[in-house]
Amino acid sequence: MSVESQFSGVWCPSVTPFDSQGNVDLNALHQHFTRLTAAGIDALLLMGSIGEFVSLSQQERLLLIREARAMSTLPMVANVSTTCVADMLQLAEQADQSGYDAVMVLPPYYFGQTRKQLLSYYRELDQRLPGKWFAYNFPARTGCDLDAALVAELAAELPKFIGIKDTMDCLSHNRQLIEETKKVRPDFAVLSGYDEYLLPNLLAGGAGVICGLNNLVPELFARAMQAWKAQDLAELTRIQQRIGKLMAIYTLGDDFVSAIKTAVARQHGYMTAASRNYGGALSEQQCQTLDRLFAE
C-alpha cells in the first residue's frame, strides 16, 4: 500500500438522496454521512458518478458543497467535473472555501480527446484550481483514457495533482498506473473505481478503492483495510469473496444507482430510493432479490 499518500484506504462515493418531491435531501445526506463516518472508512467523495452529479444544477452542486463538508470529520473530496470550465472553477473555489481536502476532475467528455489535448487541459486546470486535485479516469463515459504514461508525466510536473480514481475494468491498467507514477511520485494515490479491485490494487502498491458498495457495507471495507494492515490473509480472503458476491447488485435492474439507493433505503430507512435516472426503479421481485443478497 502507498503509505506515503494521505489519501490511502477505502472511500465512499456517496449517493445523493432526493426527497419525495425530487429535491436534494440534506437531512438524509447528513444521516448517511453520520453512518459512513462511524463505520471506519477513510474518506468521502461528494457528487461522483453514483452521486448523480450530471443531473444536478450548478446551484444544487454549490449547495451540496457548502452544506456537506460539516456533516463528517472524514477527509472529503468534491467532484467538480463539468463540460463548462467556468462552472467547474466556481465549484472548486467553493470547495476550497468550504474546507475540502481536494477536488476531482474528469477529462472533457462528449468530444474524444487526444493526448495533446488532455495534457493541455490538465496543465491549464492545474494553474487555475485553488488547491489539490485528483483526476477521474472513466473511459466508458468520457471516450478517452488517462493512460499510465500520461498520468505519470503530469504527476511529475504538477505537485497539486495528487491522485487518480481509475474506473476501468482492467487490472493491468490499474497496475500500470501504480508502477509508472511510483517512479516519479511516491506520494501519488492511485485508487481503483471497482469494488472488487481493492485487494489487487493494494497488492500492486496502490492506495485503495473508491467504490459504491461502501454506501451499503462500509464496515466490510473498513475491516478489509484492517486485515490488510494486520496481514490477515484468511480474513482478506473471506472479505474478497463477500465483495464478489455483493457485486451482483450492479447487474440488478436497469440502473445500478437506483439499485444501490433502493438497498440503502430498504436497510436503513433514512432516505428514499429516488434517482434522477429514468426507468431505474426496481420491481418488487428485484427488491426481494436485493434483500436476499444482503441477508446472506
C-alpha atoms as a PDB file:
ATOM      1  CA  MET A   1       0.000   0.000   0.000  1.00  0.00           C
ATOM      2  CA  SER A   2       1.123   3.567  -0.725  1.00  0.00           C
ATOM      3  CA  VAL A   3       1.511   4.505   2.931  1.00  0.00           C
ATOM      4  CA  GLU A   4       3.055   7.840   1.992  1.00  0.00           C
ATOM      5  CA  SER A   5      -0.222   9.051   0.472  1.00  0.00           C
ATOM      6  CA  GLN A   6      -2.561  10.864   2.851  1.00  0.00           C
ATOM      7  CA  PHE A   7      -5.473   9.596   0.741  1.00  0.00           C
ATOM      8  CA  SER A   8      -4.938   5.851   1.135  1.00  0.00           C
ATOM      9  CA  GLY A   9      -7.719   3.475   2.118  1.00  0.00           C
ATOM     10  CA  VAL A  10     -11.368   2.890   1.317  1.00  0.00           C
ATOM     11  CA  TRP A  11     -13.526   5.778   0.138  1.00  0.00           C
ATOM     12  CA  CYS A  12     -17.266   6.024  -0.263  1.00  0.00           C
ATOM     13  CA  PRO A  13     -18.520   7.847  -3.359  1.00  0.00           C
ATOM     14  CA  SER A  14     -21.760   8.873  -1.705  1.00  0.00           C
ATOM     15  CA  VAL A  15     -25.196   8.698  -3.246  1.00  0.00           C
ATOM     16  CA  THR A  16     -27.136  11.967  -3.314  1.00  0.00           C
ATOM     17  CA  PRO A  17     -30.509  11.499  -1.564  1.00  0.00           C
ATOM     18  CA  PHE A  18     -33.622  13.136  -3.002  1.00  0.00           C
ATOM     19  CA  ASP A  19     -36.898  13.691  -1.177  1.00  0.00           C
ATOM     20  CA  SER A  20     -40.344  12.680  -2.453  1.00  0.00           C
ATOM     21  CA  GLN A  21     -40.557  15.927  -4.457  1.00  0.00           C
ATOM     22  CA  GLY A  22     -37.235  15.261  -6.165  1.00  0.00           C
ATOM     23  CA  ASN A  23     -35.231  17.857  -4.245  1.00  0.00           C
ATOM     24  CA  VAL A  24     -31.804  17.278  -2.688  1.00  0.00           C
ATOM     25  CA  ASP A  25     -32.426  15.919   0.812  1.00  0.00           C
ATOM     26  CA  LEU A  26     -29.755  17.394   3.082  1.00  0.00           C
ATOM     27  CA  ASN A  27     -31.174  15.778   6.212  1.00  0.00           C
ATOM     28  CA  ALA A  28     -30.931  12.317   4.661  1.00  0.00           C
ATOM     29  CA  LEU A  29     -27.394  13.069   3.438  1.00  0.00           C
ATOM     30  CA  HIS A  30     -26.400  14.072   6.970  1.00  0.00           C
ATOM     31  CA  GLN A  31     -27.722  10.787   8.334  1.00  0.00           C
ATOM     32  CA  HIS A  32     -25.928   8.895   5.575  1.00  0.00           C
ATOM     33  CA  PHE A  33     -22.623  10.630   6.294  1.00  0.00           C
ATOM     34  CA  THR A  34     -23.023  10.028  10.014  1.00  0.00           C
ATOM     35  CA  ARG A  35     -23.389   6.279   9.392  1.00  0.00           C
ATOM     36  CA  LEU A  36     -20.471   6.187   6.956  1.00  0.00           C
ATOM     37  CA  THR A  37     -18.209   8.120   9.305  1.00  0.00           C
ATOM     38  CA  ALA A  38     -18.967   5.757  12.187  1.00  0.00           C
ATOM     39  CA  ALA A  39     -18.223   2.712  10.011  1.00  0.00           C
ATOM     40  CA  GLY A  40     -14.482   3.401   9.913  1.00  0.00           C
ATOM     41  CA  ILE A  41     -13.891   4.160   6.238  1.00  0.00           C
ATOM     42  CA  ASP A  42     -11.208   6.629   5.233  1.00  0.00           C
ATOM     43  CA  ALA A  43     -12.735   9.315   3.003  1.00  0.00           C
ATOM     44  CA  LEU A  44     -15.886  10.575   1.292  1.00  0.00           C
ATOM     45  CA  LEU A  45     -16.358  11.602  -2.328  1.00  0.00           C
ATOM     46  CA  LEU A  46     -19.208  14.024  -2.922  1.00  0.00           C
ATOM     47  CA  MET A  47     -21.100  14.082  -6.238  1.00  0.00           C
ATOM     48  CA  GLY A  48     -19.298  11.286  -8.008  1.00  0.00           C
ATOM     49  CA  SER A  49     -20.974   9.254 -10.737  1.00  0.00           C
ATOM     50  CA  ILE A  50     -23.088   7.390  -8.201  1.00  0.00           C
ATOM     51  CA  GLY A  51     -23.886  10.792  -6.679  1.00  0.00           C
ATOM     52  CA  GLU A  52     -25.586  11.702  -9.976  1.00  0.00           C
ATOM     53  CA  PHE A  53     -23.564  14.887 -10.493  1.00  0.00           C
ATOM     54  CA  VAL A  54     -24.585  15.066 -14.144  1.00  0.00           C
ATOM     55  CA  SER A  55     -28.243  15.585 -13.144  1.00  0.00           C
ATOM     56  CA  LEU A  56     -27.569  18.330 -10.596  1.00  0.00           C
ATOM     57  CA  SER A  57     -27.877  22.015 -11.369  1.00  0.00           C
ATOM     58  CA  GLN A  58     -24.994  24.348 -10.625  1.00  0.00           C
ATOM     59  CA  GLN A  59     -26.912  25.796  -7.688  1.00  0.00           C
ATOM     60  CA  GLU A  60     -27.616  22.334  -6.277  1.00  0.00           C
ATOM     61  CA  ARG A  61     -23.945  21.440  -6.579  1.00  0.00           C
ATOM     62  CA  LEU A  62     -22.866  24.629  -4.824  1.00  0.00           C
ATOM     63  CA  LEU A  63     -25.417  23.952  -2.087  1.00  0.00           C
ATOM     64  CA  LEU A  64     -24.142  20.416  -1.573  1.00  0.00           C
ATOM     65  CA  ILE A  65     -20.531  21.576  -1.412  1.00  0.00           C
ATOM     66  CA  ARG A  66     -21.372  24.250   1.159  1.00  0.00           C
ATOM     67  CA  GLU A  67     -23.525  22.035   3.370  1.00  0.00           C
ATOM     68  CA  ALA A  68     -21.901  18.611   3.177  1.00  0.00           C
ATOM     69  CA  ARG A  69     -18.429  19.462   4.475  1.00  0.00           C
ATOM     70  CA  ALA A  70     -19.715  19.953   8.044  1.00  0.00           C
ATOM     71  CA  MET A  71     -21.544  16.616   8.001  1.00  0.00           C
ATOM     72  CA  SER A  72     -18.429  14.469   8.575  1.00  0.00           C
ATOM     73  CA  THR A  73     -14.990  14.668  10.111  1.00  0.00           C
ATOM     74  CA  LEU A  74     -13.567  12.407   7.402  1.00  0.00           C
ATOM     75  CA  PRO A  75     -11.373  13.737   4.611  1.00  0.00           C
ATOM     76  CA  MET A  76     -13.702  14.833   1.820  1.00  0.00           C
ATOM     77  CA  VAL A  77     -13.223  15.367  -1.897  1.00  0.00           C
ATOM     78  CA  ALA A  78     -15.755  17.076  -4.194  1.00  0.00           C
ATOM     79  CA  ASN A  79     -16.154  16.015  -7.801  1.00  0.00           C
ATOM     80  CA  VAL A  80     -16.398  19.297  -9.705  1.00  0.00           C
ATOM     81  CA  SER A  81     -16.405  17.808 -13.206  1.00  0.00           C
ATOM     82  CA  THR A  82     -18.488  19.515 -15.879  1.00  0.00           C
ATOM     83  CA  THR A  83     -18.135  20.457 -19.525  1.00  0.00           C
ATOM     84  CA  CYS A  84     -18.127  24.171 -18.618  1.00  0.00           C
ATOM     85  CA  VAL A  85     -14.754  25.196 -17.172  1.00  0.00           C
ATOM     86  CA  ALA A  86     -16.136  28.392 -15.627  1.00  0.00           C
ATOM     87  CA  ASP A  87     -18.713  26.359 -13.691  1.00  0.00           C
ATOM     88  CA  MET A  88     -16.022  23.876 -12.662  1.00  0.00           C
ATOM     89  CA  LEU A  89     -13.795  26.616 -11.289  1.00  0.00           C
ATOM     90  CA  GLN A  90     -16.721  28.116  -9.377  1.00  0.00           C
ATOM     91  CA  LEU A  91     -17.379  24.717  -7.777  1.00  0.00           C
ATOM     92  CA  ALA A  92     -13.678  24.286  -6.999  1.00  0.00           C
ATOM     93  CA  GLU A  93     -13.473  27.720  -5.367  1.00  0.00           C
ATOM     94  CA  GLN A  94     -16.481  26.877  -3.222  1.00  0.00           C
ATOM     95  CA  ALA A  95     -14.922  23.564  -2.222  1.00  0.00           C
ATOM     96  CA  ASP A  96     -11.687  25.298  -1.286  1.00  0.00           C
ATOM     97  CA  GLN A  97     -13.533  27.892   0.800  1.00  0.00           C
ATOM     98  CA  SER A  98     -15.603  25.167   2.476  1.00  0.00           C
ATOM     99  CA  GLY A  99     -12.577  23.179   3.621  1.00  0.00           C
ATOM    100  CA  TYR A 100     -12.491  20.213   1.247  1.00  0.00           C
ATOM    101  CA  ASP A 101      -9.231  18.322   1.056  1.00  0.00           C
ATOM    102  CA  ALA A 102      -9.216  18.231  -2.750  1.00  0.00           C
ATOM    103  CA  VAL A 103     -11.426  18.199  -5.822  1.00  0.00           C
ATOM    104  CA  MET A 104     -11.801  15.587  -8.560  1.00  0.00           C
ATOM    105  CA  VAL A 105     -11.921  16.310 -12.296  1.00  0.00           C
ATOM    106  CA  LEU A 106     -12.898  14.185 -15.278  1.00  0.00           C
ATOM    107  CA  PRO A 107     -11.283  14.899 -18.634  1.00  0.00           C
ATOM    108  CA  PRO A 108     -13.522  16.698 -21.142  1.00  0.00           C
ATOM    109  CA  TYR A 109     -16.331  14.459 -22.309  1.00  0.00           C
ATOM    110  CA  TYR A 110     -18.632  14.325 -25.345  1.00  0.00           C
ATOM    111  CA  PHE A 111     -15.732  15.102 -27.689  1.00  0.00           C
ATOM    112  CA  GLY A 112     -12.978  12.494 -27.566  1.00  0.00           C
ATOM    113  CA  GLN A 113      -9.623  13.927 -26.530  1.00  0.00           C
ATOM    114  CA  THR A 114      -6.138  13.333 -27.914  1.00  0.00           C
ATOM    115  CA  ARG A 115      -3.079  13.018 -25.700  1.00  0.00           C
ATOM    116  CA  LYS A 116      -2.029  16.570 -26.605  1.00  0.00           C
ATOM    117  CA  GLN A 117      -5.452  17.901 -25.649  1.00  0.00           C
ATOM    118  CA  LEU A 118      -5.507  16.046 -22.321  1.00  0.00           C
ATOM    119  CA  LEU A 119      -2.071  17.347 -21.347  1.00  0.00           C
ATOM    120  CA  SER A 120      -3.048  20.899 -22.280  1.00  0.00           C
ATOM    121  CA  TYR A 121      -6.337  20.643 -20.404  1.00  0.00           C
ATOM    122  CA  TYR A 122      -4.915  19.396 -17.125  1.00  0.00           C
ATOM    123  CA  ARG A 123      -1.924  21.743 -17.207  1.00  0.00           C
ATOM    124  CA  GLU A 124      -4.247  24.705 -17.651  1.00  0.00           C
ATOM    125  CA  LEU A 125      -6.590  23.481 -14.915  1.00  0.00           C
ATOM    126  CA  ASP A 126      -3.699  22.991 -12.512  1.00  0.00           C
ATOM    127  CA  GLN A 127      -2.847  26.674 -12.836  1.00  0.00           C
ATOM    128  CA  ARG A 128      -6.434  27.733 -12.164  1.00  0.00           C
ATOM    129  CA  LEU A 129      -7.612  25.295  -9.475  1.00  0.00           C
ATOM    130  CA  PRO A 130      -7.128  26.723  -5.983  1.00  0.00           C
ATOM    131  CA  GLY A 131      -5.915  23.543  -4.292  1.00  0.00           C
ATOM    132  CA  LYS A 132      -5.106  19.859  -4.610  1.00  0.00           C
ATOM    133  CA  TRP A 133      -6.889  17.769  -7.223  1.00  0.00           C
ATOM    134  CA  PHE A 134      -7.498  14.242  -8.415  1.00  0.00           C
ATOM    135  CA  ALA A 135      -8.103  13.128 -11.966  1.00  0.00           C
ATOM    136  CA  TYR A 136     -11.025  10.823 -12.656  1.00  0.00           C
ATOM    137  CA  ASN A 137     -10.452   8.236 -15.383  1.00  0.00           C
ATOM    138  CA  PHE A 138     -13.687   6.741 -16.717  1.00  0.00           C
ATOM    139  CA  PRO A 139     -13.149   5.918 -20.406  1.00  0.00           C
ATOM    140  CA  ALA A 140     -16.570   4.266 -20.778  1.00  0.00           C
ATOM    141  CA  ARG A 141     -18.149   7.678 -20.101  1.00  0.00           C
ATOM    142  CA  THR A 142     -15.579  10.130 -21.497  1.00  0.00           C
ATOM    143  CA  GLY A 143     -14.375   8.378 -24.640  1.00  0.00           C
ATOM    144  CA  CYS A 144     -10.707   8.875 -23.754  1.00  0.00           C
ATOM    145  CA  ASP A 145      -8.237   7.152 -21.452  1.00  0.00           C
ATOM    146  CA  LEU A 146      -5.800   8.677 -18.984  1.00  0.00           C
ATOM    147  CA  ASP A 147      -3.054   6.120 -19.525  1.00  0.00           C
ATOM    148  CA  ALA A 148      -0.084   5.440 -17.290  1.00  0.00           C
ATOM    149  CA  ALA A 149       2.487   7.410 -19.300  1.00  0.00           C
ATOM    150  CA  LEU A 150       0.263  10.497 -19.481  1.00  0.00           C
ATOM    151  CA  VAL A 151      -0.643  10.417 -15.780  1.00  0.00           C
ATOM    152  CA  ALA A 152       2.987   9.913 -14.733  1.00  0.00           C
ATOM    153  CA  GLU A 153       4.078  12.844 -16.894  1.00  0.00           C
ATOM    154  CA  LEU A 154       1.514  15.117 -15.243  1.00  0.00           C
ATOM    155  CA  ALA A 155       2.266  13.773 -11.753  1.00  0.00           C
ATOM    156  CA  ALA A 156       5.971  14.541 -12.159  1.00  0.00           C
ATOM    157  CA  GLU A 157       5.233  18.063 -13.371  1.00  0.00           C
ATOM    158  CA  LEU A 158       2.289  19.191 -11.201  1.00  0.00           C
ATOM    159  CA  PRO A 159       2.638  18.930  -7.377  1.00  0.00           C
ATOM    160  CA  LYS A 160      -1.048  19.789  -6.777  1.00  0.00           C
ATOM    161  CA  PHE A 161      -2.050  16.735  -8.831  1.00  0.00           C
ATOM    162  CA  ILE A 162      -2.162  14.177  -6.030  1.00  0.00           C
ATOM    163  CA  GLY A 163      -4.000  11.136  -7.324  1.00  0.00           C
ATOM    164  CA  ILE A 164      -6.401   9.428  -9.666  1.00  0.00           C
ATOM    165  CA  LYS A 165      -9.574   7.383  -9.493  1.00  0.00           C
ATOM    166  CA  ASP A 166      -9.205   4.703 -12.167  1.00  0.00           C
ATOM    167  CA  THR A 167     -12.647   3.419 -13.133  1.00  0.00           C
ATOM    168  CA  MET A 168     -11.589   0.947 -15.766  1.00  0.00           C
ATOM    169  CA  ASP A 169     -12.398  -2.752 -15.554  1.00  0.00           C
ATOM    170  CA  CYS A 170      -8.842  -3.824 -16.261  1.00  0.00           C
ATOM    171  CA  LEU A 171      -6.381  -4.837 -13.542  1.00  0.00           C
ATOM    172  CA  SER A 172      -3.339  -4.281 -15.719  1.00  0.00           C
ATOM    173  CA  HIS A 173      -4.402  -0.695 -16.413  1.00  0.00           C
ATOM    174  CA  ASN A 174      -4.630  -0.015 -12.680  1.00  0.00           C
ATOM    175  CA  ARG A 175      -1.295  -1.743 -12.062  1.00  0.00           C
ATOM    176  CA  GLN A 176       0.478   0.217 -14.795  1.00  0.00           C
ATOM    177  CA  LEU A 177      -0.766   3.491 -13.338  1.00  0.00           C
ATOM    178  CA  ILE A 178       0.666   2.482  -9.961  1.00  0.00           C
ATOM    179  CA  GLU A 179       4.013   1.382 -11.382  1.00  0.00           C
ATOM    180  CA  GLU A 180       4.582   4.435 -13.573  1.00  0.00           C
ATOM    181  CA  THR A 181       3.508   7.076 -11.044  1.00  0.00           C
ATOM    182  CA  LYS A 182       5.606   5.497  -8.289  1.00  0.00           C
ATOM    183  CA  LYS A 183       8.680   6.155 -10.402  1.00  0.00           C
ATOM    184  CA  VAL A 184       8.098   9.900 -10.155  1.00  0.00           C
ATOM    185  CA  ARG A 185       5.877  10.454  -7.087  1.00  0.00           C
ATOM    186  CA  PRO A 186       5.817   8.009  -4.127  1.00  0.00           C
ATOM    187  CA  ASP A 187       3.035  10.088  -2.549  1.00  0.00           C
ATOM    188  CA  PHE A 188       0.736   9.840  -5.592  1.00  0.00           C
ATOM    189  CA  ALA A 189      -2.519   7.958  -4.841  1.00  0.00           C
ATOM    190  CA  VAL A 190      -3.866   5.507  -7.410  1.00  0.00           C
ATOM    191  CA  LEU A 191      -7.306   4.311  -6.333  1.00  0.00           C
ATOM    192  CA  SER A 192      -9.430   1.798  -8.211  1.00  0.00           C
ATOM    193  CA  GLY A 193     -13.033   2.634  -9.057  1.00  0.00           C
ATOM    194  CA  TYR A 194     -14.128  -1.018  -8.890  1.00  0.00           C
ATOM    195  CA  ASP A 195     -15.115  -2.568  -5.561  1.00  0.00           C
ATOM    196  CA  GLU A 196     -13.569  -5.980  -6.150  1.00  0.00           C
ATOM    197  CA  TYR A 197     -10.239  -4.433  -7.158  1.00  0.00           C
ATOM    198  CA  LEU A 198      -9.408  -3.315  -3.615  1.00  0.00           C
ATOM    199  CA  LEU A 199      -7.100  -6.217  -2.828  1.00  0.00           C
ATOM    200  CA  PRO A 200      -5.405  -6.347  -6.271  1.00  0.00           C
ATOM    201  CA  ASN A 201      -4.843  -2.583  -6.039  1.00  0.00           C
ATOM    202  CA  LEU A 202      -3.204  -2.868  -2.628  1.00  0.00           C
ATOM    203  CA  LEU A 203      -1.091  -5.845  -3.696  1.00  0.00           C
ATOM    204  CA  ALA A 204       0.215  -3.808  -6.640  1.00  0.00           C
ATOM    205  CA  GLY A 205       1.210  -0.960  -4.320  1.00  0.00           C
ATOM    206  CA  GLY A 206      -1.852   1.233  -4.863  1.00  0.00           C
ATOM    207  CA  ALA A 207      -3.687   3.433  -2.382  1.00  0.00           C
ATOM    208  CA  GLY A 208      -7.058   1.672  -2.212  1.00  0.00           C
ATOM    209  CA  VAL A 209     -10.541   1.939  -3.680  1.00  0.00           C
ATOM    210  CA  ILE A 210     -13.423   4.367  -4.260  1.00  0.00           C
ATOM    211  CA  CYS A 211     -16.474   2.156  -4.637  1.00  0.00           C
ATOM    212  CA  GLY A 212     -20.263   2.231  -4.466  1.00  0.00           C
ATOM    213  CA  LEU A 213     -20.723  -0.722  -2.124  1.00  0.00           C
ATOM    214  CA  ASN A 214     -19.363   1.484   0.658  1.00  0.00           C
ATOM    215  CA  ASN A 215     -22.804   3.124   0.689  1.00  0.00           C
ATOM    216  CA  LEU A 216     -24.150  -0.233   1.861  1.00  0.00           C
ATOM    217  CA  VAL A 217     -21.416  -2.171   3.639  1.00  0.00           C
ATOM    218  CA  PRO A 218     -18.763   0.351   4.690  1.00  0.00           C
ATOM    219  CA  GLU A 219     -17.881  -1.783   7.713  1.00  0.00           C
ATOM    220  CA  LEU A 220     -16.866  -4.607   5.364  1.00  0.00           C
ATOM    221  CA  PHE A 221     -14.379  -2.410   3.540  1.00  0.00           C
ATOM    222  CA  ALA A 222     -13.093  -0.920   6.792  1.00  0.00           C
ATOM    223  CA  ARG A 223     -12.437  -4.478   8.010  1.00  0.00           C
ATOM    224  CA  ALA A 224     -10.629  -5.206   4.761  1.00  0.00           C
ATOM    225  CA  MET A 225      -8.188  -2.368   5.426  1.00  0.00           C
ATOM    226  CA  GLN A 226      -7.688  -3.570   8.995  1.00  0.00           C
ATOM    227  CA  ALA A 227      -6.984  -7.103   7.748  1.00  0.00           C
ATOM    228  CA  TRP A 228      -4.586  -5.735   5.124  1.00  0.00           C
ATOM    229  CA  LYS A 229      -2.596  -3.844   7.736  1.00  0.00           C
ATOM    230  CA  ALA A 230      -2.578  -6.897  10.025  1.00  0.00           C
ATOM    231  CA  GLN A 231      -1.561  -9.165   7.104  1.00  0.00           C
ATOM    232  CA  ASP A 232      -4.531 -11.402   7.907  1.00  0.00           C
ATOM    233  CA  LEU A 233      -4.799 -13.412   4.688  1.00  0.00           C
ATOM    234  CA  ALA A 234      -7.676 -15.594   5.884  1.00  0.00           C
ATOM    235  CA  GLU A 235      -9.836 -12.560   6.717  1.00  0.00           C
ATOM    236  CA  LEU A 236      -8.909 -10.839   3.453  1.00  0.00           C
ATOM    237  CA  THR A 237      -9.946 -13.965   1.559  1.00  0.00           C
ATOM    238  CA  ARG A 238     -13.341 -14.049   3.287  1.00  0.00           C
ATOM    239  CA  ILE A 239     -13.936 -10.377   2.632  1.00  0.00           C
ATOM    240  CA  GLN A 240     -12.884 -10.612  -1.018  1.00  0.00           C
ATOM    241  CA  GLN A 241     -15.326 -13.475  -1.532  1.00  0.00           C
ATOM    242  CA  ARG A 242     -18.134 -11.491   0.126  1.00  0.00           C
ATOM    243  CA  ILE A 243     -17.411  -8.446  -2.033  1.00  0.00           C
ATOM    244  CA  GLY A 244     -17.513 -10.684  -5.100  1.00  0.00           C
ATOM    245  CA  LYS A 245     -20.999 -11.908  -4.217  1.00  0.00           C
ATOM    246  CA  LEU A 246     -22.264  -8.402  -3.494  1.00  0.00           C
ATOM    247  CA  MET A 247     -21.108  -7.229  -6.921  1.00  0.00           C
ATOM    248  CA  ALA A 248     -24.340  -8.775  -8.229  1.00  0.00           C
ATOM    249  CA  ILE A 249     -26.107  -5.559  -7.215  1.00  0.00           C
ATOM    250  CA  TYR A 250     -24.545  -3.804 -10.202  1.00  0.00           C
ATOM    251  CA  THR A 251     -26.457  -6.084 -12.583  1.00  0.00           C
ATOM    252  CA  LEU A 252     -29.779  -5.893 -10.742  1.00  0.00           C
ATOM    253  CA  GLY A 253     -32.309  -3.868 -12.691  1.00  0.00           C
ATOM    254  CA  ASP A 254     -31.621  -1.256 -15.355  1.00  0.00           C
ATOM    255  CA  ASP A 255     -29.714   1.272 -13.255  1.00  0.00           C
ATOM    256  CA  PHE A 256     -27.121   0.477 -10.583  1.00  0.00           C
ATOM    257  CA  VAL A 257     -27.548   3.898  -8.941  1.00  0.00           C
ATOM    258  CA  SER A 258     -31.208   3.150  -8.282  1.00  0.00           C
ATOM    259  CA  ALA A 259     -30.326  -0.350  -7.071  1.00  0.00           C
ATOM    260  CA  ILE A 260     -27.854   0.943  -4.505  1.00  0.00           C
ATOM    261  CA  LYS A 261     -30.176   3.744  -3.359  1.00  0.00           C
ATOM    262  CA  THR A 262     -33.010   1.231  -3.045  1.00  0.00           C
ATOM    263  CA  ALA A 263     -30.817  -1.004  -0.895  1.00  0.00           C
ATOM    264  CA  VAL A 264     -29.854   1.889   1.397  1.00  0.00           C
ATOM    265  CA  ALA A 265     -33.490   2.939   1.688  1.00  0.00           C
ATOM    266  CA  ARG A 266     -34.692  -0.600   2.492  1.00  0.00           C
ATOM    267  CA  GLN A 267     -31.947  -1.357   5.004  1.00  0.00           C
ATOM    268  CA  HIS A 268     -31.727   1.979   6.811  1.00  0.00           C
ATOM    269  CA  GLY A 269     -34.889   3.950   6.080  1.00  0.00           C
ATOM    270  CA  TYR A 270     -33.484   7.492   6.284  1.00  0.00           C
ATOM    271  CA  MET A 271     -33.652   8.198   2.546  1.00  0.00           C
ATOM    272  CA  THR A 272     -35.859   7.461  -0.428  1.00  0.00           C
ATOM    273  CA  ALA A 273     -34.806   5.307  -3.362  1.00  0.00           C
ATOM    274  CA  ALA A 274     -35.498   8.183  -5.753  1.00  0.00           C
ATOM    275  CA  SER A 275     -32.989   8.713  -8.552  1.00  0.00           C
ATOM    276  CA  ARG A 276     -32.959  11.166 -11.441  1.00  0.00           C
ATOM    277  CA  ASN A 277     -32.178   8.323 -13.830  1.00  0.00           C
ATOM    278  CA  TYR A 278     -35.384   7.438 -15.674  1.00  0.00           C
ATOM    279  CA  GLY A 279     -36.816   3.923 -15.582  1.00  0.00           C
ATOM    280  CA  GLY A 280     -34.467   2.566 -12.945  1.00  0.00           C
ATOM    281  CA  ALA A 281     -36.929   1.741 -10.150  1.00  0.00           C
ATOM    282  CA  LEU A 282     -36.701  -1.897  -9.073  1.00  0.00           C
ATOM    283  CA  SER A 283     -39.685  -4.245  -9.262  1.00  0.00           C
ATOM    284  CA  GLU A 284     -40.917  -5.995  -6.134  1.00  0.00           C
ATOM    285  CA  GLN A 285     -39.247  -9.198  -7.298  1.00  0.00           C
ATOM    286  CA  GLN A 286     -35.964  -7.375  -7.786  1.00  0.00           C
ATOM    287  CA  CYS A 287     -36.307  -5.814  -4.332  1.00  0.00           C
ATOM    288  CA  GLN A 288     -36.727  -9.277  -2.839  1.00  0.00           C
ATOM    289  CA  THR A 289     -33.612 -10.448  -4.670  1.00  0.00           C
ATOM    290  CA  LEU A 290     -31.799  -7.402  -3.282  1.00  0.00           C
ATOM    291  CA  ASP A 291     -32.905  -8.185   0.248  1.00  0.00           C
ATOM    292  CA  ARG A 292     -31.695 -11.782  -0.062  1.00  0.00           C
ATOM    293  CA  LEU A 293     -28.339 -10.654  -1.406  1.00  0.00           C
ATOM    294  CA  PHE A 294     -27.616  -8.579   1.700  1.00  0.00           C
ATOM    295  CA  ALA A 295     -29.174 -11.061   4.133  1.00  0.00           C
ATOM    296  CA  GLU A 296     -26.729 -13.849   3.219  1.00  0.00           C
END
